[in-house]
């Protein structure tokens, strides 16, 4: 019975079945499964598989996005139970698109995939001033700050944000990862970020490695 309930959650997320995911999560809760079991064995397992399928070229961004939306739908039911049971998050991430850049679809996908991997995510949205990143780090004390830029003209705001965190004495307290269409490894190195991810799936892999390795 437990396995069937977890399989239905897994399938809803893997297939991107947004309407089915909340019901599958609720059924598992009603049957007495713990929030931690549902999260780890149903939801995180499904998103890990989605990441594998994307890496293998069997899933594209569209499939990954609908799976992430199904995950979000399921999490809307599970989240209060997670908070009550004090399930330990994989880590904490503050994420946003940098100042001057209104693009947020890629950033949204990264945020959802990170949440699907068990991270607590604080999404600041698009067009985020460096001072808001500083304030968010002071408030949430994240392990990772994730910066997104989709325009070459807004890439310098990544540097400005890192400089603002340094000026506030916070740079050494967080790992900074960057991404977005015009960004690459060389640019990440140039602005002294800690890592670069070309897509949402690899952003999750990078974040996990940073939290594990410190």
N, C-alpha and C. Protein backbone atom coordinates (compact mmCIF):
# COMPACT_ATOMS: atom_id res chain seq x y z
N UNK A 1 0.84 -1.21 0.00
CA UNK A 1 0.00 0.00 0.00
C UNK A 1 0.87 1.27 0.00
N UNK A 2 1.85 1.28 0.93
CA UNK A 2 2.74 2.45 1.00
C UNK A 2 3.48 2.65 -0.31
N UNK A 3 3.96 1.55 -0.87
CA UNK A 3 4.71 1.62 -2.12
C UNK A 3 3.83 2.16 -3.26
N UNK A 4 2.57 1.70 -3.29
CA UNK A 4 1.64 2.17 -4.33
C UNK A 4 1.38 3.67 -4.22
N UNK A 5 1.23 4.14 -2.98
CA UNK A 5 0.98 5.57 -2.76
C UNK A 5 2.18 6.40 -3.19
N UNK A 6 3.37 5.94 -2.85
CA UNK A 6 4.59 6.65 -3.24
C UNK A 6 4.79 6.60 -4.75
N UNK A 7 4.44 5.46 -5.35
CA UNK A 7 4.54 5.33 -6.81
C UNK A 7 3.62 6.31 -7.53
N UNK A 8 2.44 6.55 -6.95
CA UNK A 8 1.49 7.47 -7.59
C UNK A 8 2.00 8.91 -7.52
N UNK A 9 2.67 9.27 -6.42
CA UNK A 9 3.29 10.60 -6.30
C UNK A 9 4.43 10.72 -7.30
N UNK A 10 5.27 9.69 -7.32
CA UNK A 10 6.42 9.64 -8.23
C UNK A 10 5.94 9.82 -9.68
N UNK A 11 4.91 9.06 -10.06
CA UNK A 11 4.40 9.09 -11.44
C UNK A 11 3.80 10.45 -11.78
N UNK A 12 3.05 11.04 -10.84
CA UNK A 12 2.42 12.35 -11.11
C UNK A 12 3.48 13.40 -11.41
N UNK A 13 4.57 13.38 -10.64
CA UNK A 13 5.63 14.37 -10.85
C UNK A 13 6.43 14.05 -12.11
N UNK A 14 6.78 12.79 -12.29
CA UNK A 14 7.55 12.40 -13.46
C UNK A 14 6.80 12.72 -14.75
N UNK A 15 5.49 12.50 -14.75
CA UNK A 15 4.67 12.75 -15.95
C UNK A 15 4.22 14.20 -16.07
N UNK A 16 4.53 15.02 -15.06
CA UNK A 16 4.09 16.41 -15.09
C UNK A 16 2.59 16.54 -15.00
N UNK A 17 1.98 15.62 -14.23
CA UNK A 17 0.51 15.63 -14.08
C UNK A 17 0.15 16.55 -12.91
N UNK A 18 0.01 17.84 -13.23
CA UNK A 18 -0.19 18.86 -12.19
C UNK A 18 -1.47 18.64 -11.38
N UNK A 19 -2.61 18.30 -12.01
CA UNK A 19 -3.83 18.08 -11.22
C UNK A 19 -3.75 16.87 -10.29
N UNK A 20 -2.97 15.84 -10.70
CA UNK A 20 -2.94 14.59 -9.92
C UNK A 20 -2.04 14.67 -8.69
N UNK A 21 -1.02 15.52 -8.73
CA UNK A 21 0.00 15.52 -7.66
C UNK A 21 -0.57 15.85 -6.28
N UNK A 22 -1.39 16.89 -6.11
CA UNK A 22 -1.91 17.18 -4.76
C UNK A 22 -2.74 16.03 -4.18
N UNK A 23 -3.56 15.42 -5.02
CA UNK A 23 -4.39 14.31 -4.56
C UNK A 23 -3.56 13.11 -4.13
N UNK A 24 -2.48 12.86 -4.88
CA UNK A 24 -1.60 11.74 -4.55
C UNK A 24 -0.89 11.98 -3.22
N UNK A 25 -0.47 13.22 -3.00
CA UNK A 25 0.17 13.56 -1.72
C UNK A 25 -0.83 13.46 -0.57
N UNK A 26 -2.04 13.98 -0.79
CA UNK A 26 -3.06 13.94 0.26
C UNK A 26 -3.43 12.49 0.61
N UNK A 27 -3.52 11.63 -0.39
CA UNK A 27 -3.85 10.22 -0.15
C UNK A 27 -2.77 9.56 0.71
N UNK A 28 -1.51 9.90 0.44
CA UNK A 28 -0.41 9.33 1.22
C UNK A 28 -0.46 9.84 2.67
N UNK A 29 -0.76 11.12 2.84
CA UNK A 29 -0.89 11.67 4.19
C UNK A 29 -2.05 11.02 4.94
N UNK A 30 -3.17 10.84 4.25
CA UNK A 30 -4.36 10.24 4.86
C UNK A 30 -4.10 8.80 5.29
N UNK A 31 -3.19 8.14 4.57
CA UNK A 31 -2.86 6.74 4.88
C UNK A 31 -1.82 6.64 6.00
N UNK A 32 -1.35 7.80 6.47
CA UNK A 32 -0.44 7.81 7.61
C UNK A 32 1.04 7.84 7.26
N UNK A 33 1.37 8.05 5.99
CA UNK A 33 2.79 8.16 5.64
C UNK A 33 3.35 9.47 6.19
N UNK A 34 4.60 9.43 6.61
CA UNK A 34 5.21 10.64 7.18
C UNK A 34 5.54 11.64 6.07
N UNK A 35 5.56 12.91 6.44
CA UNK A 35 5.91 13.96 5.47
C UNK A 35 7.31 13.73 4.91
N UNK A 36 8.21 13.25 5.76
CA UNK A 36 9.60 13.03 5.34
C UNK A 36 9.67 11.91 4.29
N UNK A 37 8.90 10.84 4.51
CA UNK A 37 8.88 9.73 3.54
C UNK A 37 8.30 10.19 2.21
N UNK A 38 7.22 10.94 2.27
CA UNK A 38 6.59 11.45 1.04
C UNK A 38 7.55 12.34 0.27
N UNK A 39 8.23 13.22 1.01
CA UNK A 39 9.18 14.15 0.37
C UNK A 39 10.34 13.40 -0.26
N UNK A 40 10.99 12.54 0.53
CA UNK A 40 12.22 11.90 0.07
C UNK A 40 11.98 10.78 -0.94
N UNK A 41 11.03 9.90 -0.64
CA UNK A 41 10.85 8.70 -1.46
C UNK A 41 9.88 8.91 -2.62
N UNK A 42 9.03 9.94 -2.50
CA UNK A 42 8.11 10.23 -3.59
C UNK A 42 8.58 11.39 -4.44
N UNK A 43 8.72 12.55 -3.81
CA UNK A 43 8.93 13.79 -4.57
C UNK A 43 10.39 14.01 -4.99
N UNK A 44 11.30 13.92 -4.04
CA UNK A 44 12.71 14.15 -4.38
C UNK A 44 13.20 13.05 -5.33
N UNK A 45 12.75 11.81 -5.08
CA UNK A 45 13.14 10.71 -5.98
C UNK A 45 12.65 10.98 -7.40
N UNK A 46 11.43 11.50 -7.53
CA UNK A 46 10.89 11.79 -8.86
C UNK A 46 11.68 12.89 -9.55
N UNK A 47 12.00 13.96 -8.82
CA UNK A 47 12.73 15.06 -9.44
C UNK A 47 14.17 14.65 -9.78
N UNK A 48 14.74 13.75 -9.01
CA UNK A 48 16.07 13.23 -9.36
C UNK A 48 16.01 12.48 -10.68
N UNK A 49 14.93 11.72 -10.85
CA UNK A 49 14.75 10.98 -12.11
C UNK A 49 14.52 11.94 -13.27
N UNK A 50 13.75 13.00 -13.03
CA UNK A 50 13.55 14.02 -14.06
C UNK A 50 14.90 14.60 -14.49
N UNK A 51 15.75 14.90 -13.51
CA UNK A 51 17.09 15.43 -13.81
C UNK A 51 17.91 14.46 -14.64
N UNK A 52 17.83 13.17 -14.31
CA UNK A 52 18.55 12.14 -15.07
C UNK A 52 18.05 12.08 -16.52
N UNK A 53 16.73 12.13 -16.68
CA UNK A 53 16.15 12.07 -18.02
C UNK A 53 16.54 13.30 -18.85
N UNK A 54 16.62 14.45 -18.17
CA UNK A 54 17.04 15.68 -18.86
C UNK A 54 18.51 15.56 -19.31
N UNK A 55 19.34 15.08 -18.40
CA UNK A 55 20.77 14.93 -18.71
C UNK A 55 20.97 13.95 -19.88
N UNK A 56 20.10 12.92 -19.94
CA UNK A 56 20.22 11.91 -20.99
C UNK A 56 19.63 12.37 -22.32
N UNK A 57 18.96 13.53 -22.31
CA UNK A 57 18.36 14.06 -23.53
C UNK A 57 16.98 13.51 -23.81
N UNK A 58 16.41 12.77 -22.84
CA UNK A 58 15.06 12.21 -23.01
C UNK A 58 13.97 13.20 -22.59
N UNK A 59 14.32 14.13 -21.74
CA UNK A 59 13.41 15.21 -21.33
C UNK A 59 14.02 16.53 -21.78
N UNK A 60 13.15 17.48 -22.10
CA UNK A 60 13.59 18.81 -22.48
C UNK A 60 13.13 19.80 -21.40
N UNK A 61 13.43 21.07 -21.59
CA UNK A 61 13.07 22.07 -20.59
C UNK A 61 11.56 22.06 -20.33
N UNK A 62 10.76 21.89 -21.36
CA UNK A 62 9.30 21.90 -21.20
C UNK A 62 8.83 20.80 -20.26
N UNK A 63 9.37 19.58 -20.44
CA UNK A 63 9.01 18.46 -19.56
C UNK A 63 9.49 18.71 -18.14
N UNK A 64 10.70 19.22 -18.03
CA UNK A 64 11.26 19.50 -16.70
C UNK A 64 10.40 20.55 -15.98
N UNK A 65 9.92 21.51 -16.75
CA UNK A 65 9.12 22.59 -16.16
C UNK A 65 7.77 22.06 -15.67
N UNK A 66 7.11 21.20 -16.47
CA UNK A 66 5.80 20.68 -16.04
C UNK A 66 5.97 19.73 -14.84
N UNK A 67 7.06 18.99 -14.81
CA UNK A 67 7.33 18.14 -13.63
C UNK A 67 7.54 19.01 -12.40
N UNK A 68 8.26 20.11 -12.58
CA UNK A 68 8.50 21.03 -11.45
C UNK A 68 7.20 21.67 -10.98
N UNK A 69 6.31 21.97 -11.92
CA UNK A 69 5.00 22.54 -11.55
C UNK A 69 4.16 21.51 -10.79
N UNK A 70 4.23 20.24 -11.21
CA UNK A 70 3.53 19.17 -10.49
C UNK A 70 4.10 19.03 -9.08
N UNK A 71 5.42 19.14 -8.98
CA UNK A 71 6.06 19.11 -7.66
C UNK A 71 5.53 20.23 -6.78
N UNK A 72 5.46 21.43 -7.34
CA UNK A 72 4.96 22.58 -6.57
C UNK A 72 3.53 22.35 -6.09
N UNK A 73 2.70 21.77 -6.97
CA UNK A 73 1.32 21.49 -6.61
C UNK A 73 1.25 20.51 -5.44
N UNK A 74 2.11 19.50 -5.48
CA UNK A 74 2.16 18.54 -4.39
C UNK A 74 2.70 19.14 -3.10
N UNK A 75 3.71 19.99 -3.26
CA UNK A 75 4.32 20.64 -2.07
C UNK A 75 3.34 21.58 -1.37
N UNK A 76 2.38 22.13 -2.13
CA UNK A 76 1.39 23.03 -1.51
C UNK A 76 0.59 22.28 -0.44
N UNK A 77 0.40 20.97 -0.65
CA UNK A 77 -0.29 20.14 0.34
C UNK A 77 0.67 19.70 1.44
N UNK A 78 1.91 19.37 1.04
CA UNK A 78 2.86 18.76 1.99
C UNK A 78 3.53 19.77 2.91
N UNK A 79 3.73 21.01 2.41
CA UNK A 79 4.56 21.98 3.13
C UNK A 79 4.18 22.18 4.60
N UNK A 80 2.90 22.36 4.93
CA UNK A 80 2.55 22.54 6.36
C UNK A 80 2.96 21.34 7.22
N UNK A 81 2.87 20.15 6.65
CA UNK A 81 3.25 18.94 7.39
C UNK A 81 4.76 18.85 7.57
N UNK A 82 5.50 19.33 6.57
CA UNK A 82 6.96 19.36 6.68
C UNK A 82 7.39 20.31 7.79
N UNK A 83 6.73 21.46 7.85
CA UNK A 83 7.07 22.45 8.88
C UNK A 83 6.74 21.90 10.27
N UNK A 84 5.62 21.20 10.39
CA UNK A 84 5.22 20.64 11.68
C UNK A 84 6.16 19.54 12.14
N UNK A 85 6.68 18.76 11.18
CA UNK A 85 7.53 17.64 11.56
C UNK A 85 9.01 18.02 11.58
N UNK A 86 9.30 19.29 11.29
CA UNK A 86 10.67 19.81 11.35
C UNK A 86 11.65 18.98 10.51
N UNK A 87 11.22 18.65 9.29
CA UNK A 87 12.10 17.91 8.39
C UNK A 87 13.29 18.81 8.03
N UNK A 88 14.47 18.25 8.14
CA UNK A 88 15.70 19.02 7.89
C UNK A 88 15.86 19.26 6.38
N UNK A 89 16.00 20.51 5.99
CA UNK A 89 16.21 20.84 4.57
C UNK A 89 17.63 20.44 4.16
N UNK A 90 17.81 20.19 2.86
CA UNK A 90 19.14 19.85 2.34
C UNK A 90 20.09 21.03 2.48
N UNK A 91 19.53 22.22 2.51
CA UNK A 91 20.30 23.45 2.61
C UNK A 91 19.36 24.61 2.32
N UNK A 92 19.86 25.83 2.44
CA UNK A 92 19.04 27.01 2.20
C UNK A 92 19.65 27.83 1.06
N UNK A 93 18.79 28.25 0.13
CA UNK A 93 19.25 29.01 -1.03
C UNK A 93 18.45 30.30 -1.16
N UNK A 94 19.15 31.41 -1.37
CA UNK A 94 18.52 32.67 -1.79
C UNK A 94 18.79 32.81 -3.27
N UNK A 95 17.74 33.02 -4.05
CA UNK A 95 17.89 33.08 -5.51
C UNK A 95 17.17 34.31 -6.07
N UNK A 96 17.71 34.88 -7.13
CA UNK A 96 17.05 36.00 -7.78
C UNK A 96 17.72 36.33 -9.10
N UNK A 97 16.98 37.02 -9.96
CA UNK A 97 17.55 37.57 -11.20
C UNK A 97 18.07 38.97 -10.86
N UNK A 98 19.26 39.27 -11.33
CA UNK A 98 19.96 40.48 -10.88
C UNK A 98 19.30 41.77 -11.37
N UNK A 99 19.72 42.87 -10.76
CA UNK A 99 19.19 44.21 -11.03
C UNK A 99 19.17 44.52 -12.52
N UNK A 100 18.02 45.03 -12.99
CA UNK A 100 17.89 45.45 -14.38
C UNK A 100 17.39 44.37 -15.32
N UNK A 101 17.29 43.12 -14.80
CA UNK A 101 16.89 42.00 -15.65
C UNK A 101 15.54 41.46 -15.18
N UNK A 102 14.54 41.53 -16.07
CA UNK A 102 13.18 41.14 -15.71
C UNK A 102 12.87 39.68 -16.03
N UNK A 103 13.84 38.95 -16.58
CA UNK A 103 13.61 37.56 -16.97
C UNK A 103 13.59 36.66 -15.73
N UNK A 104 12.58 35.79 -15.65
CA UNK A 104 12.58 34.91 -14.47
C UNK A 104 12.13 33.48 -14.74
N UNK A 105 11.88 33.10 -16.01
CA UNK A 105 11.43 31.73 -16.26
C UNK A 105 12.53 30.73 -15.91
N UNK A 106 13.75 30.98 -16.36
CA UNK A 106 14.86 30.08 -16.04
C UNK A 106 15.13 30.04 -14.55
N UNK A 107 15.11 31.20 -13.93
CA UNK A 107 15.33 31.28 -12.49
C UNK A 107 14.23 30.54 -11.73
N UNK A 108 12.99 30.67 -12.20
CA UNK A 108 11.88 29.95 -11.56
C UNK A 108 12.08 28.45 -11.62
N UNK A 109 12.56 27.97 -12.76
CA UNK A 109 12.78 26.54 -12.92
C UNK A 109 13.89 26.06 -11.98
N UNK A 110 14.96 26.82 -11.89
CA UNK A 110 16.04 26.47 -10.96
C UNK A 110 15.51 26.43 -9.52
N UNK A 111 14.72 27.44 -9.15
CA UNK A 111 14.16 27.49 -7.79
C UNK A 111 13.29 26.27 -7.51
N UNK A 112 12.44 25.89 -8.48
CA UNK A 112 11.56 24.74 -8.29
C UNK A 112 12.34 23.44 -8.23
N UNK A 113 13.36 23.32 -9.06
CA UNK A 113 14.18 22.11 -9.04
C UNK A 113 14.96 22.00 -7.72
N UNK A 114 15.44 23.12 -7.21
CA UNK A 114 16.14 23.11 -5.92
C UNK A 114 15.18 22.70 -4.80
N UNK A 115 13.96 23.23 -4.85
CA UNK A 115 12.97 22.86 -3.84
C UNK A 115 12.64 21.37 -3.95
N UNK A 116 12.60 20.88 -5.18
CA UNK A 116 12.35 19.47 -5.41
C UNK A 116 13.46 18.58 -4.92
N UNK A 117 14.66 19.15 -4.77
CA UNK A 117 15.80 18.40 -4.24
C UNK A 117 15.91 18.53 -2.72
N UNK A 118 14.92 19.20 -2.11
CA UNK A 118 14.90 19.27 -0.65
C UNK A 118 15.48 20.53 -0.05
N UNK A 119 15.82 21.51 -0.90
CA UNK A 119 16.36 22.77 -0.38
C UNK A 119 15.22 23.69 0.05
N UNK A 120 15.51 24.51 1.04
CA UNK A 120 14.60 25.61 1.39
C UNK A 120 15.02 26.78 0.52
N UNK A 121 14.08 27.29 -0.28
CA UNK A 121 14.40 28.31 -1.28
C UNK A 121 13.67 29.61 -0.98
N UNK A 122 14.44 30.70 -0.98
CA UNK A 122 13.86 32.04 -0.83
C UNK A 122 14.07 32.76 -2.16
N UNK A 123 12.99 32.86 -2.94
CA UNK A 123 13.06 33.43 -4.29
C UNK A 123 12.73 34.93 -4.23
N UNK A 124 13.72 35.75 -4.57
CA UNK A 124 13.55 37.21 -4.50
C UNK A 124 12.93 37.79 -5.78
N UNK A 125 12.75 36.93 -6.81
CA UNK A 125 12.12 37.40 -8.04
C UNK A 125 13.12 37.98 -9.03
N UNK A 126 12.62 38.74 -10.02
CA UNK A 126 13.51 39.39 -10.99
C UNK A 126 13.90 40.80 -10.54
N UNK A 127 14.88 41.40 -11.24
CA UNK A 127 15.28 42.80 -11.02
C UNK A 127 15.60 43.06 -9.54
N UNK A 128 16.49 42.24 -9.00
CA UNK A 128 16.80 42.33 -7.56
C UNK A 128 18.05 43.20 -7.34
N UNK A 129 17.87 44.28 -6.60
CA UNK A 129 18.97 45.18 -6.26
C UNK A 129 19.96 44.46 -5.35
N UNK A 130 21.27 44.73 -5.49
CA UNK A 130 22.25 44.07 -4.63
C UNK A 130 21.92 44.17 -3.13
N UNK A 131 21.36 45.30 -2.71
CA UNK A 131 21.05 45.46 -1.28
C UNK A 131 20.00 44.46 -0.81
N UNK A 132 19.10 44.06 -1.72
CA UNK A 132 18.09 43.05 -1.35
C UNK A 132 18.72 41.69 -1.15
N UNK A 133 19.73 41.37 -1.96
CA UNK A 133 20.46 40.12 -1.74
C UNK A 133 21.17 40.17 -0.39
N UNK A 134 21.79 41.31 -0.09
CA UNK A 134 22.47 41.46 1.20
C UNK A 134 21.49 41.27 2.35
N UNK A 135 20.35 41.92 2.27
CA UNK A 135 19.34 41.81 3.34
C UNK A 135 18.82 40.38 3.48
N UNK A 136 18.65 39.71 2.32
CA UNK A 136 18.15 38.33 2.35
C UNK A 136 19.17 37.38 2.99
N UNK A 137 20.44 37.63 2.75
CA UNK A 137 21.49 36.81 3.38
C UNK A 137 21.51 37.04 4.89
N UNK A 138 21.36 38.29 5.29
CA UNK A 138 21.30 38.60 6.73
C UNK A 138 20.09 37.94 7.39
N UNK A 139 18.95 37.94 6.67
CA UNK A 139 17.71 37.41 7.25
C UNK A 139 17.67 35.89 7.27
N UNK A 140 18.05 35.27 6.14
CA UNK A 140 17.83 33.82 5.99
C UNK A 140 19.08 32.98 6.26
N UNK A 141 20.26 33.62 6.29
CA UNK A 141 21.51 32.91 6.52
C UNK A 141 21.64 31.67 5.62
N UNK A 142 21.57 31.88 4.30
CA UNK A 142 21.59 30.74 3.38
C UNK A 142 22.98 30.12 3.24
N UNK A 143 22.98 28.90 2.72
CA UNK A 143 24.25 28.26 2.36
C UNK A 143 24.72 28.78 1.01
N UNK A 144 23.74 29.09 0.14
CA UNK A 144 24.04 29.43 -1.25
C UNK A 144 23.23 30.65 -1.68
N UNK A 145 23.87 31.52 -2.46
CA UNK A 145 23.17 32.60 -3.16
C UNK A 145 23.28 32.29 -4.65
N UNK A 146 22.14 32.22 -5.33
CA UNK A 146 22.11 31.91 -6.76
C UNK A 146 21.68 33.14 -7.54
N UNK A 147 22.54 33.57 -8.47
CA UNK A 147 22.30 34.78 -9.26
C UNK A 147 22.04 34.40 -10.71
N UNK A 148 20.98 34.97 -11.29
CA UNK A 148 20.64 34.71 -12.69
C UNK A 148 20.70 35.99 -13.49
N UNK A 149 21.21 35.90 -14.72
CA UNK A 149 21.17 37.02 -15.67
C UNK A 149 20.92 36.45 -17.06
N UNK A 150 19.97 37.04 -17.77
CA UNK A 150 19.62 36.54 -19.11
C UNK A 150 20.09 37.50 -20.21
N UNK A 151 20.62 38.64 -19.82
CA UNK A 151 21.06 39.64 -20.81
C UNK A 151 22.54 39.95 -20.57
N UNK A 152 23.27 40.14 -21.65
CA UNK A 152 24.69 40.51 -21.49
C UNK A 152 24.80 41.86 -20.77
N UNK A 153 23.81 42.72 -20.95
CA UNK A 153 23.85 44.06 -20.34
C UNK A 153 23.64 44.01 -18.83
N UNK A 154 23.05 42.93 -18.33
CA UNK A 154 22.82 42.85 -16.87
C UNK A 154 23.85 41.96 -16.17
N UNK A 155 24.72 41.31 -16.94
CA UNK A 155 25.76 40.48 -16.31
C UNK A 155 26.62 41.24 -15.30
N UNK A 156 26.99 42.52 -15.58
CA UNK A 156 27.80 43.24 -14.58
C UNK A 156 27.13 43.36 -13.21
N UNK A 157 25.80 43.28 -13.18
CA UNK A 157 25.09 43.35 -11.89
C UNK A 157 25.41 42.15 -11.00
N UNK A 158 25.86 41.05 -11.61
CA UNK A 158 26.32 39.91 -10.82
C UNK A 158 27.56 40.32 -10.01
N UNK A 159 28.49 40.97 -10.71
CA UNK A 159 29.70 41.45 -10.02
C UNK A 159 29.35 42.44 -8.92
N UNK A 160 28.43 43.37 -9.23
CA UNK A 160 28.01 44.39 -8.26
C UNK A 160 27.40 43.73 -7.02
N UNK A 161 26.63 42.67 -7.24
CA UNK A 161 25.99 41.97 -6.13
C UNK A 161 27.04 41.27 -5.25
N UNK A 162 28.00 40.61 -5.90
CA UNK A 162 29.07 39.95 -5.14
C UNK A 162 29.88 40.98 -4.37
N UNK A 163 30.15 42.13 -5.00
CA UNK A 163 30.88 43.20 -4.31
C UNK A 163 30.10 43.71 -3.10
N UNK A 164 28.77 43.81 -3.24
CA UNK A 164 27.92 44.27 -2.13
C UNK A 164 27.96 43.29 -0.97
N UNK A 165 27.95 41.99 -1.28
CA UNK A 165 28.05 40.98 -0.22
C UNK A 165 29.41 41.04 0.46
N UNK A 166 30.46 41.30 -0.32
CA UNK A 166 31.81 41.45 0.26
C UNK A 166 31.87 42.67 1.17
N UNK A 167 31.31 43.79 0.69
CA UNK A 167 31.33 45.04 1.47
C UNK A 167 30.57 44.88 2.78
N UNK A 168 29.55 44.02 2.78
CA UNK A 168 28.75 43.79 3.99
C UNK A 168 29.39 42.75 4.91
N UNK A 169 30.54 42.21 4.50
CA UNK A 169 31.22 41.21 5.31
C UNK A 169 30.58 39.84 5.26
N UNK A 170 29.79 39.58 4.19
CA UNK A 170 29.02 38.33 4.11
C UNK A 170 29.56 37.35 3.07
N UNK A 171 30.52 37.80 2.27
CA UNK A 171 30.96 36.97 1.13
C UNK A 171 31.45 35.59 1.55
N UNK A 172 32.20 35.53 2.65
CA UNK A 172 32.78 34.26 3.08
C UNK A 172 31.76 33.33 3.74
N UNK A 173 30.56 33.85 3.99
CA UNK A 173 29.55 33.04 4.69
C UNK A 173 28.67 32.24 3.73
N UNK A 174 28.76 32.54 2.43
CA UNK A 174 27.89 31.87 1.45
C UNK A 174 28.69 31.43 0.23
N UNK A 175 28.16 30.42 -0.44
CA UNK A 175 28.65 30.04 -1.76
C UNK A 175 27.78 30.75 -2.79
N UNK A 176 28.39 31.27 -3.84
CA UNK A 176 27.64 31.98 -4.87
C UNK A 176 27.71 31.20 -6.18
N UNK A 177 26.53 30.86 -6.71
CA UNK A 177 26.48 30.21 -8.02
C UNK A 177 25.75 31.13 -9.00
N UNK A 178 26.18 31.08 -10.26
CA UNK A 178 25.61 31.96 -11.28
C UNK A 178 25.17 31.15 -12.48
N UNK A 179 24.21 31.72 -13.23
CA UNK A 179 23.73 31.06 -14.43
C UNK A 179 22.91 32.00 -15.28
N UNK A 180 22.52 31.51 -16.46
CA UNK A 180 21.78 32.33 -17.42
C UNK A 180 22.42 32.22 -18.78
N UNK A 181 21.65 32.51 -19.81
CA UNK A 181 22.09 32.28 -21.19
C UNK A 181 23.47 32.85 -21.54
N UNK A 182 23.78 34.11 -21.17
CA UNK A 182 25.08 34.65 -21.60
C UNK A 182 26.24 34.31 -20.66
N UNK A 183 25.95 33.65 -19.55
CA UNK A 183 26.96 33.39 -18.52
C UNK A 183 27.70 32.09 -18.84
N UNK A 184 28.98 32.04 -18.50
CA UNK A 184 29.75 30.80 -18.68
C UNK A 184 30.76 30.65 -17.54
N UNK A 185 31.52 29.56 -17.59
CA UNK A 185 32.51 29.27 -16.54
C UNK A 185 33.53 30.40 -16.39
N UNK A 186 33.98 30.89 -17.53
CA UNK A 186 35.02 31.93 -17.51
C UNK A 186 34.52 33.19 -16.80
N UNK A 187 33.27 33.56 -17.10
CA UNK A 187 32.72 34.76 -16.47
C UNK A 187 32.55 34.54 -14.97
N UNK A 188 32.09 33.35 -14.60
CA UNK A 188 31.92 33.02 -13.17
C UNK A 188 33.25 33.16 -12.44
N UNK A 189 34.31 32.69 -13.08
CA UNK A 189 35.64 32.79 -12.48
C UNK A 189 36.08 34.25 -12.38
N UNK A 190 35.79 34.99 -13.46
CA UNK A 190 36.19 36.40 -13.53
C UNK A 190 35.58 37.23 -12.39
N UNK A 191 34.33 36.94 -12.03
CA UNK A 191 33.66 37.72 -10.97
C UNK A 191 33.79 37.06 -9.59
N UNK A 192 34.62 35.98 -9.55
CA UNK A 192 34.89 35.28 -8.28
C UNK A 192 33.64 34.65 -7.67
N UNK A 193 32.76 34.13 -8.55
CA UNK A 193 31.67 33.28 -8.06
C UNK A 193 32.26 31.92 -7.71
N UNK A 194 31.52 31.13 -6.95
CA UNK A 194 32.02 29.81 -6.55
C UNK A 194 31.68 28.72 -7.54
N UNK A 195 30.73 29.01 -8.44
CA UNK A 195 30.38 27.99 -9.42
C UNK A 195 29.40 28.52 -10.45
N UNK A 196 29.30 27.76 -11.55
CA UNK A 196 28.42 28.11 -12.66
C UNK A 196 27.65 26.85 -13.08
N UNK A 197 26.36 27.03 -13.37
CA UNK A 197 25.56 25.92 -13.88
C UNK A 197 24.86 26.35 -15.16
N UNK A 198 24.97 25.55 -16.23
CA UNK A 198 24.36 25.93 -17.51
C UNK A 198 22.85 25.69 -17.57
N UNK A 199 22.31 24.89 -16.63
CA UNK A 199 20.88 24.62 -16.64
C UNK A 199 20.41 24.23 -15.24
N UNK A 200 19.10 24.08 -15.10
CA UNK A 200 18.51 23.84 -13.78
C UNK A 200 18.96 22.52 -13.17
N UNK A 201 19.06 21.50 -13.98
CA UNK A 201 19.46 20.19 -13.48
C UNK A 201 20.87 20.24 -12.90
N UNK A 202 21.78 20.89 -13.62
CA UNK A 202 23.16 20.98 -13.14
C UNK A 202 23.29 21.95 -11.97
N UNK A 203 22.37 22.92 -11.88
CA UNK A 203 22.36 23.83 -10.73
C UNK A 203 22.09 23.04 -9.44
N UNK A 204 21.18 22.08 -9.53
CA UNK A 204 20.87 21.23 -8.37
C UNK A 204 22.08 20.39 -7.99
N UNK A 205 22.72 19.79 -8.99
CA UNK A 205 23.92 18.96 -8.74
C UNK A 205 25.01 19.79 -8.07
N UNK A 206 25.20 21.01 -8.58
CA UNK A 206 26.22 21.91 -8.03
C UNK A 206 25.89 22.32 -6.60
N UNK A 207 24.62 22.66 -6.35
CA UNK A 207 24.20 23.07 -5.01
C UNK A 207 24.39 21.94 -4.01
N UNK A 208 24.00 20.73 -4.41
CA UNK A 208 24.16 19.57 -3.53
C UNK A 208 25.64 19.36 -3.18
N UNK A 209 26.49 19.47 -4.19
CA UNK A 209 27.93 19.27 -3.97
C UNK A 209 28.49 20.33 -3.02
N UNK A 210 28.04 21.56 -3.19
CA UNK A 210 28.54 22.65 -2.33
C UNK A 210 28.11 22.47 -0.87
N UNK A 211 26.88 22.03 -0.67
CA UNK A 211 26.40 21.83 0.70
C UNK A 211 27.09 20.62 1.34
N UNK A 212 27.32 19.58 0.55
CA UNK A 212 27.95 18.36 1.06
C UNK A 212 29.42 18.60 1.38
N UNK A 213 30.10 19.30 0.47
CA UNK A 213 31.55 19.50 0.62
C UNK A 213 31.94 20.73 1.41
N UNK A 214 30.92 21.60 1.66
CA UNK A 214 31.18 22.79 2.45
C UNK A 214 31.97 23.85 1.71
